[in-house]
Each structure stands twice: as C-alpha cells, then as structure tokens.
Amino acid sequence: MKQRILTVAIAVLTVACTAPAATPTPVPPTTAPAVAAPTPTAAQATATPVTRTSPSTASVDWPQANFDYANTRAATNNSISAGNVGQLGVAWTFGVAGGGTYGTLSTSPVVVNGTVYLQDLKSNVYAIDLQTGTLKWQKSNNADDLGPSGPAVDGGKVFVESNVQTVAALDATTGAEVWSTQIATVDTQGIDQQIAAYGGTV
C-alpha cells in the first residue's frame, strides 16, 4: 500500500514599503478591503452559547478547515520556526481505510479539544486522539465522494456529508448519528466543499 504525505507550509511574508519622498501625489492603495466575519442574527445573538469553534490566541486547536472563519490558515504563538523546522519528526501515523477515484483524502483535518476529526473519500469519518494517534471512534458511510469533503465541529457535534447529497450531525464524543438531512435529489447536485458551521447553522 502506498502512502502519500501531504506537507503544508504556511509562511507569513511582511513587506515594508516606503513611498519616495519626491512623489507629489499620493497613490491610492490597491489592497482589497478585509472581509469581515459574518454578523450573527438577533436570534443567534441571544441563543444559548455553543462550544467555541474559533481558536483562542494560544490555542492548539485547528477548528475550521482554514483555521478560522477569516480563512487565514495562520497558526500563531507556536514554537515552530524557520530555524527549527528541520528538526520536526513523525509523532504518529494513522491508516485511513476508504479511497475514491481521486485518492484517499481531500480534506483539512479539524482539531478541537485534543481530537482530530477527518473524513476520507468514502465519506467515512474518524475521530483520533491528537497526542497518541489512537482512534476514538469511526463512522463508516462507504459512500463515494469526489471531494473536497471534510467535517465541521460546533456545539458538541461533528457535521459531515454521509453522501454527496446528505448532511449528517454526529455526536463529537461517541460518533453516534444525531440527525441526517438530504439537501439534494438530482444527480448533478450535491456537496462539493468542506462543511462549515457558524452560530448553530450549517
């Protein structure tokens, strides 16, 4: 069995620009405005708080596909740097069972409260201990998926696609299915991105 290792490097590039002193007319900035995070509705603002899914400043969590709702993909306050990245080694490995037409994984693992959640291209879902690599639970759906796919974690639940047309909520601790909803019925319609959850809505 061949294994592929995907290494994602995140770099932050800071560029300092100084305008020439002799420039007579300021040049308007061309940087696109920052995209603000979604504003919750009045109902969401008064709803019972749910388990946080945005990381704290010093968090080891990776609670969204791209780290946070702003999709920064930036892990801050960690000890990994250009000076010591060459000293990194493998802490543990985990064999994923399901493979599809385009490989085995097309997902960003989500890490919440010491558990790694991921989904393969057979729509199977795994909860793995972050420190040991031990499987906590597995939900087998065995439904082909071209991807991208992947879980979202919010309020003690893991939201996944059980097939390309159905969204399911699993208990984050046990993997038991809480509910399932088919959102499409036509073959050409379905889910083609990693799920996100915000303010109690998927």
C-alpha atoms as a PDB file:
ATOM      1  CA  MET A   1       0.000   0.000   0.000  1.00  0.00           C
ATOM      2  CA  LYS A   2       1.371   3.349  -0.986  1.00  0.00           C
ATOM      3  CA  GLN A   3       1.060   6.242   1.388  1.00  0.00           C
ATOM      4  CA  ARG A   4       1.171   9.881   0.437  1.00  0.00           C
ATOM      5  CA  ILE A   5       2.305  12.519   2.868  1.00  0.00           C
ATOM      6  CA  LEU A   6       0.983  15.991   2.346  1.00  0.00           C
ATOM      7  CA  THR A   7       3.066  18.715   3.918  1.00  0.00           C
ATOM      8  CA  VAL A   8       1.551  22.135   4.152  1.00  0.00           C
ATOM      9  CA  ALA A   9       3.896  25.026   4.831  1.00  0.00           C
ATOM     10  CA  ILE A  10       2.471  28.299   5.966  1.00  0.00           C
ATOM     11  CA  ALA A  11       4.580  31.384   5.565  1.00  0.00           C
ATOM     12  CA  VAL A  12       3.919  34.918   6.575  1.00  0.00           C
ATOM     13  CA  LEU A  13       5.589  37.497   4.388  1.00  0.00           C
ATOM     14  CA  THR A  14       5.879  41.028   5.645  1.00  0.00           C
ATOM     15  CA  VAL A  15       6.801  43.665   3.143  1.00  0.00           C
ATOM     16  CA  ALA A  16       7.743  47.162   4.215  1.00  0.00           C
ATOM     17  CA  CYS A  17       7.136  49.764   1.570  1.00  0.00           C
ATOM     18  CA  THR A  18       8.319  53.355   1.729  1.00  0.00           C
ATOM     19  CA  ALA A  19       6.996  55.880  -0.770  1.00  0.00           C
ATOM     20  CA  PRO A  20       9.601  58.141  -2.460  1.00  0.00           C
ATOM     21  CA  ALA A  21       9.867  61.497  -0.748  1.00  0.00           C
ATOM     22  CA  ALA A  22       9.609  63.392  -4.055  1.00  0.00           C
ATOM     23  CA  THR A  23       6.274  61.871  -5.101  1.00  0.00           C
ATOM     24  CA  PRO A  24       3.879  64.831  -5.464  1.00  0.00           C
ATOM     25  CA  THR A  25       0.595  62.940  -5.497  1.00  0.00           C
ATOM     26  CA  PRO A  26      -0.235  60.041  -3.141  1.00  0.00           C
ATOM     27  CA  VAL A  27      -1.090  56.807  -4.918  1.00  0.00           C
ATOM     28  CA  PRO A  28      -4.397  55.295  -3.724  1.00  0.00           C
ATOM     29  CA  PRO A  29      -3.974  51.908  -2.046  1.00  0.00           C
ATOM     30  CA  THR A  30      -4.828  48.874  -4.153  1.00  0.00           C
ATOM     31  CA  THR A  31      -5.149  46.364  -1.327  1.00  0.00           C
ATOM     32  CA  ALA A  32      -8.616  44.812  -1.243  1.00  0.00           C
ATOM     33  CA  PRO A  33     -10.592  45.566   1.917  1.00  0.00           C
ATOM     34  CA  ALA A  34     -10.611  42.919   4.614  1.00  0.00           C
ATOM     35  CA  VAL A  35     -13.636  40.640   4.636  1.00  0.00           C
ATOM     36  CA  ALA A  36     -15.496  40.893   7.911  1.00  0.00           C
ATOM     37  CA  ALA A  37     -16.680  37.805   9.750  1.00  0.00           C
ATOM     38  CA  PRO A  38     -20.412  37.032   9.408  1.00  0.00           C
ATOM     39  CA  THR A  39     -22.639  39.029  11.758  1.00  0.00           C
ATOM     40  CA  PRO A  40     -24.986  36.799  13.769  1.00  0.00           C
ATOM     41  CA  THR A  41     -28.709  37.458  13.615  1.00  0.00           C
ATOM     42  CA  ALA A  42     -30.659  38.714  16.625  1.00  0.00           C
ATOM     43  CA  ALA A  43     -31.807  35.172  17.308  1.00  0.00           C
ATOM     44  CA  GLN A  44     -28.242  33.851  17.210  1.00  0.00           C
ATOM     45  CA  ALA A  45     -27.025  36.647  19.473  1.00  0.00           C
ATOM     46  CA  THR A  46     -29.494  35.626  22.187  1.00  0.00           C
ATOM     47  CA  ALA A  47     -29.179  31.872  21.715  1.00  0.00           C
ATOM     48  CA  THR A  48     -27.544  29.569  24.245  1.00  0.00           C
ATOM     49  CA  PRO A  49     -23.747  29.708  23.758  1.00  0.00           C
ATOM     50  CA  VAL A  50     -22.215  26.707  21.980  1.00  0.00           C
ATOM     51  CA  THR A  51     -18.761  25.206  22.164  1.00  0.00           C
ATOM     52  CA  ARG A  52     -16.316  27.662  20.603  1.00  0.00           C
ATOM     53  CA  THR A  53     -15.103  26.875  17.103  1.00  0.00           C
ATOM     54  CA  SER A  54     -12.772  29.836  16.627  1.00  0.00           C
ATOM     55  CA  PRO A  55      -9.312  29.407  18.169  1.00  0.00           C
ATOM     56  CA  SER A  56      -8.050  31.389  21.120  1.00  0.00           C
ATOM     57  CA  THR A  57      -4.735  33.196  20.705  1.00  0.00           C
ATOM     58  CA  ALA A  58      -2.683  30.420  22.309  1.00  0.00           C
ATOM     59  CA  SER A  59      -4.879  27.518  21.168  1.00  0.00           C
ATOM     60  CA  VAL A  60      -3.509  24.267  19.737  1.00  0.00           C
ATOM     61  CA  ASP A  61      -6.874  23.724  18.051  1.00  0.00           C
ATOM     62  CA  TRP A  62      -7.469  23.959  14.309  1.00  0.00           C
ATOM     63  CA  PRO A  63     -11.258  24.289  14.500  1.00  0.00           C
ATOM     64  CA  GLN A  64     -12.026  25.281  10.898  1.00  0.00           C
ATOM     65  CA  ALA A  65     -10.886  23.990   7.525  1.00  0.00           C
ATOM     66  CA  ASN A  66      -8.659  27.061   7.148  1.00  0.00           C
ATOM     67  CA  PHE A  67      -8.081  27.609  10.891  1.00  0.00           C
ATOM     68  CA  ASP A  68     -10.664  30.366  11.438  1.00  0.00           C
ATOM     69  CA  TYR A  69     -13.707  31.999   9.853  1.00  0.00           C
ATOM     70  CA  ALA A  70     -11.441  34.523   8.118  1.00  0.00           C
ATOM     71  CA  ASN A  71      -9.641  31.597   6.409  1.00  0.00           C
ATOM     72  CA  THR A  72      -6.226  32.911   7.464  1.00  0.00           C
ATOM     73  CA  ARG A  73      -4.592  29.459   7.742  1.00  0.00           C
ATOM     74  CA  ALA A  74      -2.222  31.142  10.195  1.00  0.00           C
ATOM     75  CA  ALA A  75      -1.141  29.327  13.348  1.00  0.00           C
ATOM     76  CA  THR A  76       0.160  31.872  15.844  1.00  0.00           C
ATOM     77  CA  ASN A  77       2.078  31.609  19.122  1.00  0.00           C
ATOM     78  CA  ASN A  78       3.751  28.293  18.284  1.00  0.00           C
ATOM     79  CA  SER A  79       7.345  27.224  18.685  1.00  0.00           C
ATOM     80  CA  ILE A  80       7.949  26.117  15.077  1.00  0.00           C
ATOM     81  CA  SER A  81      10.165  28.466  13.104  1.00  0.00           C
ATOM     82  CA  ALA A  82      12.438  28.511  10.065  1.00  0.00           C
ATOM     83  CA  GLY A  83      15.295  27.756  12.437  1.00  0.00           C
ATOM     84  CA  ASN A  84      13.923  24.501  13.841  1.00  0.00           C
ATOM     85  CA  VAL A  85      11.531  23.184  11.190  1.00  0.00           C
ATOM     86  CA  GLY A  86      14.224  20.757  10.028  1.00  0.00           C
ATOM     87  CA  GLN A  87      14.119  19.073  13.437  1.00  0.00           C
ATOM     88  CA  LEU A  88      10.469  18.053  13.120  1.00  0.00           C
ATOM     89  CA  GLY A  89       9.733  14.335  13.039  1.00  0.00           C
ATOM     90  CA  VAL A  90       6.751  11.991  12.816  1.00  0.00           C
ATOM     91  CA  ALA A  91       4.878  11.678  16.112  1.00  0.00           C
ATOM     92  CA  TRP A  92       2.376   9.108  14.856  1.00  0.00           C
ATOM     93  CA  THR A  93       0.665   7.839  11.723  1.00  0.00           C
ATOM     94  CA  PHE A  94      -2.877   6.635  11.089  1.00  0.00           C
ATOM     95  CA  GLY A  95      -4.064   4.428   8.235  1.00  0.00           C
ATOM     96  CA  VAL A  96      -7.218   5.711   6.510  1.00  0.00           C
ATOM     97  CA  ALA A  97      -9.444   2.967   5.152  1.00  0.00           C
ATOM     98  CA  GLY A  98     -11.527   4.481   2.354  1.00  0.00           C
ATOM     99  CA  GLY A  99     -10.206   5.538  -1.035  1.00  0.00           C
ATOM    100  CA  GLY A 100     -12.016   7.032  -4.005  1.00  0.00           C
ATOM    101  CA  THR A 101     -11.447   7.909  -7.649  1.00  0.00           C
ATOM    102  CA  TYR A 102      -9.115  10.789  -6.776  1.00  0.00           C
ATOM    103  CA  GLY A 103      -7.297   9.330  -3.789  1.00  0.00           C
ATOM    104  CA  THR A 104      -7.995   8.900  -0.110  1.00  0.00           C
ATOM    105  CA  LEU A 105      -8.235  12.352   1.438  1.00  0.00           C
ATOM    106  CA  SER A 106      -9.431  15.682   0.097  1.00  0.00           C
ATOM    107  CA  THR A 107      -9.915  17.446   3.378  1.00  0.00           C
ATOM    108  CA  SER A 108      -8.359  19.623   6.037  1.00  0.00           C
ATOM    109  CA  PRO A 109      -8.422  17.826   9.396  1.00  0.00           C
ATOM    110  CA  VAL A 110     -10.194  19.741  12.151  1.00  0.00           C
ATOM    111  CA  VAL A 111      -8.684  19.717  15.658  1.00  0.00           C
ATOM    112  CA  VAL A 112     -10.914  20.546  18.635  1.00  0.00           C
ATOM    113  CA  ASN A 113     -10.228  19.837  22.312  1.00  0.00           C
ATOM    114  CA  GLY A 114      -7.462  17.318  21.669  1.00  0.00           C
ATOM    115  CA  THR A 115      -9.310  15.352  18.972  1.00  0.00           C
ATOM    116  CA  VAL A 116      -8.533  15.264  15.245  1.00  0.00           C
ATOM    117  CA  TYR A 117     -11.595  14.870  13.014  1.00  0.00           C
ATOM    118  CA  LEU A 118     -11.240  13.969   9.346  1.00  0.00           C
ATOM    119  CA  GLN A 119     -13.179  12.341   6.502  1.00  0.00           C
ATOM    120  CA  ASP A 120     -11.980  10.159   3.636  1.00  0.00           C
ATOM    121  CA  LEU A 121     -13.283   9.967   0.069  1.00  0.00           C
ATOM    122  CA  LYS A 122     -15.607   7.096   1.002  1.00  0.00           C
ATOM    123  CA  SER A 123     -17.355   9.570   3.338  1.00  0.00           C
ATOM    124  CA  ASN A 124     -16.069   7.689   6.406  1.00  0.00           C
ATOM    125  CA  VAL A 125     -15.401   9.870   9.461  1.00  0.00           C
ATOM    126  CA  TYR A 126     -12.637   9.432  12.047  1.00  0.00           C
ATOM    127  CA  ALA A 127     -12.010  10.882  15.497  1.00  0.00           C
ATOM    128  CA  ILE A 128      -8.354  10.463  16.503  1.00  0.00           C
ATOM    129  CA  ASP A 129      -6.541  11.376  19.704  1.00  0.00           C
ATOM    130  CA  LEU A 130      -4.213  14.292  18.920  1.00  0.00           C
ATOM    131  CA  GLN A 131      -1.430  13.178  21.269  1.00  0.00           C
ATOM    132  CA  THR A 132      -1.325   9.431  20.595  1.00  0.00           C
ATOM    133  CA  GLY A 133      -2.911   8.882  17.181  1.00  0.00           C
ATOM    134  CA  THR A 134      -5.329   6.390  18.738  1.00  0.00           C
ATOM    135  CA  LEU A 135      -8.727   6.011  17.065  1.00  0.00           C
ATOM    136  CA  LYS A 136     -11.513   7.217  19.369  1.00  0.00           C
ATOM    137  CA  TRP A 137     -14.378   6.364  17.041  1.00  0.00           C
ATOM    138  CA  GLN A 138     -15.155   5.823  13.384  1.00  0.00           C
ATOM    139  CA  LYS A 139     -18.377   6.365  11.432  1.00  0.00           C
ATOM    140  CA  SER A 140     -18.432   4.273   8.258  1.00  0.00           C
ATOM    141  CA  ASN A 141     -20.615   5.541   5.419  1.00  0.00           C
ATOM    142  CA  ASN A 142     -18.796   3.903   2.486  1.00  0.00           C
ATOM    143  CA  ALA A 143     -20.304   6.369   0.005  1.00  0.00           C
ATOM    144  CA  ASP A 144     -18.162   7.507  -2.923  1.00  0.00           C
ATOM    145  CA  ASP A 145     -17.187  11.167  -2.895  1.00  0.00           C
ATOM    146  CA  LEU A 146     -15.106  13.085  -5.415  1.00  0.00           C
ATOM    147  CA  GLY A 147     -14.291  15.777  -2.826  1.00  0.00           C
ATOM    148  CA  PRO A 148     -13.489  18.168  -1.413  1.00  0.00           C
ATOM    149  CA  SER A 149     -15.116  16.936   1.768  1.00  0.00           C
ATOM    150  CA  GLY A 150     -14.488  17.218   5.476  1.00  0.00           C
ATOM    151  CA  PRO A 151     -16.035  17.884   8.870  1.00  0.00           C
ATOM    152  CA  ALA A 152     -17.104  20.950  10.806  1.00  0.00           C
ATOM    153  CA  VAL A 153     -17.301  20.915  14.610  1.00  0.00           C
ATOM    154  CA  ASP A 154     -19.721  23.068  16.566  1.00  0.00           C
ATOM    155  CA  GLY A 155     -21.706  22.739  19.783  1.00  0.00           C
ATOM    156  CA  GLY A 156     -20.514  19.225  20.595  1.00  0.00           C
ATOM    157  CA  LYS A 157     -21.437  17.885  17.146  1.00  0.00           C
ATOM    158  CA  VAL A 158     -19.458  16.935  14.057  1.00  0.00           C
ATOM    159  CA  PHE A 159     -21.162  17.898  10.795  1.00  0.00           C
ATOM    160  CA  VAL A 160     -20.262  15.832   7.728  1.00  0.00           C
ATOM    161  CA  GLU A 161     -21.700  14.621   4.472  1.00  0.00           C
ATOM    162  CA  SER A 162     -22.814  11.000   4.788  1.00  0.00           C
ATOM    163  CA  ASN A 163     -23.040  11.032   0.990  1.00  0.00           C
ATOM    164  CA  VAL A 164     -22.714  13.833  -1.557  1.00  0.00           C
ATOM    165  CA  GLN A 165     -26.365  14.824  -1.115  1.00  0.00           C
ATOM    166  CA  THR A 166     -26.850  14.354   2.632  1.00  0.00           C
ATOM    167  CA  VAL A 167     -25.619  16.261   5.679  1.00  0.00           C
ATOM    168  CA  ALA A 168     -25.388  14.412   8.995  1.00  0.00           C
ATOM    169  CA  ALA A 169     -24.653  15.509  12.561  1.00  0.00           C
ATOM    170  CA  LEU A 170     -22.622  13.152  14.750  1.00  0.00           C
ATOM    171  CA  ASP A 171     -22.034  13.277  18.479  1.00  0.00           C
ATOM    172  CA  ALA A 172     -18.468  14.594  18.848  1.00  0.00           C
ATOM    173  CA  THR A 173     -17.720  12.255  21.753  1.00  0.00           C
ATOM    174  CA  THR A 174     -19.210   8.964  20.507  1.00  0.00           C
ATOM    175  CA  GLY A 175     -19.713   9.352  16.752  1.00  0.00           C
ATOM    176  CA  ALA A 176     -23.381   8.398  17.064  1.00  0.00           C
ATOM    177  CA  GLU A 177     -25.617   9.999  14.433  1.00  0.00           C
ATOM    178  CA  VAL A 178     -27.840  12.731  15.887  1.00  0.00           C
ATOM    179  CA  TRP A 179     -29.684  13.690  12.691  1.00  0.00           C
ATOM    180  CA  SER A 180     -29.426  13.431   8.920  1.00  0.00           C
ATOM    181  CA  THR A 181     -30.898  15.658   6.195  1.00  0.00           C
ATOM    182  CA  GLN A 182     -30.889  15.118   2.433  1.00  0.00           C
ATOM    183  CA  ILE A 183     -30.389  18.500   0.757  1.00  0.00           C
ATOM    184  CA  ALA A 184     -30.438  17.443  -2.908  1.00  0.00           C
ATOM    185  CA  THR A 185     -32.151  14.780  -5.016  1.00  0.00           C
ATOM    186  CA  VAL A 186     -30.777  15.402  -8.517  1.00  0.00           C
ATOM    187  CA  ASP A 187     -27.625  13.525  -9.534  1.00  0.00           C
ATOM    188  CA  THR A 188     -25.919  16.705 -10.714  1.00  0.00           C
ATOM    189  CA  GLN A 189     -26.451  18.449  -7.362  1.00  0.00           C
ATOM    190  CA  GLY A 190     -24.622  17.859  -4.112  1.00  0.00           C
ATOM    191  CA  ILE A 191     -21.926  18.953  -1.688  1.00  0.00           C
ATOM    192  CA  ASP A 192     -18.537  19.787  -3.186  1.00  0.00           C
ATOM    193  CA  GLN A 193     -16.733  21.603  -0.389  1.00  0.00           C
ATOM    194  CA  GLN A 194     -15.818  21.116   3.255  1.00  0.00           C
ATOM    195  CA  ILE A 195     -18.749  21.913   5.531  1.00  0.00           C
ATOM    196  CA  ALA A 196     -18.694  24.951   7.821  1.00  0.00           C
ATOM    197  CA  ALA A 197     -20.817  25.669  10.907  1.00  0.00           C
ATOM    198  CA  TYR A 198     -21.458  29.079  12.430  1.00  0.00           C
ATOM    199  CA  GLY A 199     -23.784  30.193  15.224  1.00  0.00           C
ATOM    200  CA  GLY A 200     -25.714  26.926  15.256  1.00  0.00           C
ATOM    201  CA  THR A 201     -26.194  26.854  11.479  1.00  0.00           C
ATOM    202  CA  VAL A 202     -24.502  24.538   8.949  1.00  0.00           C
END
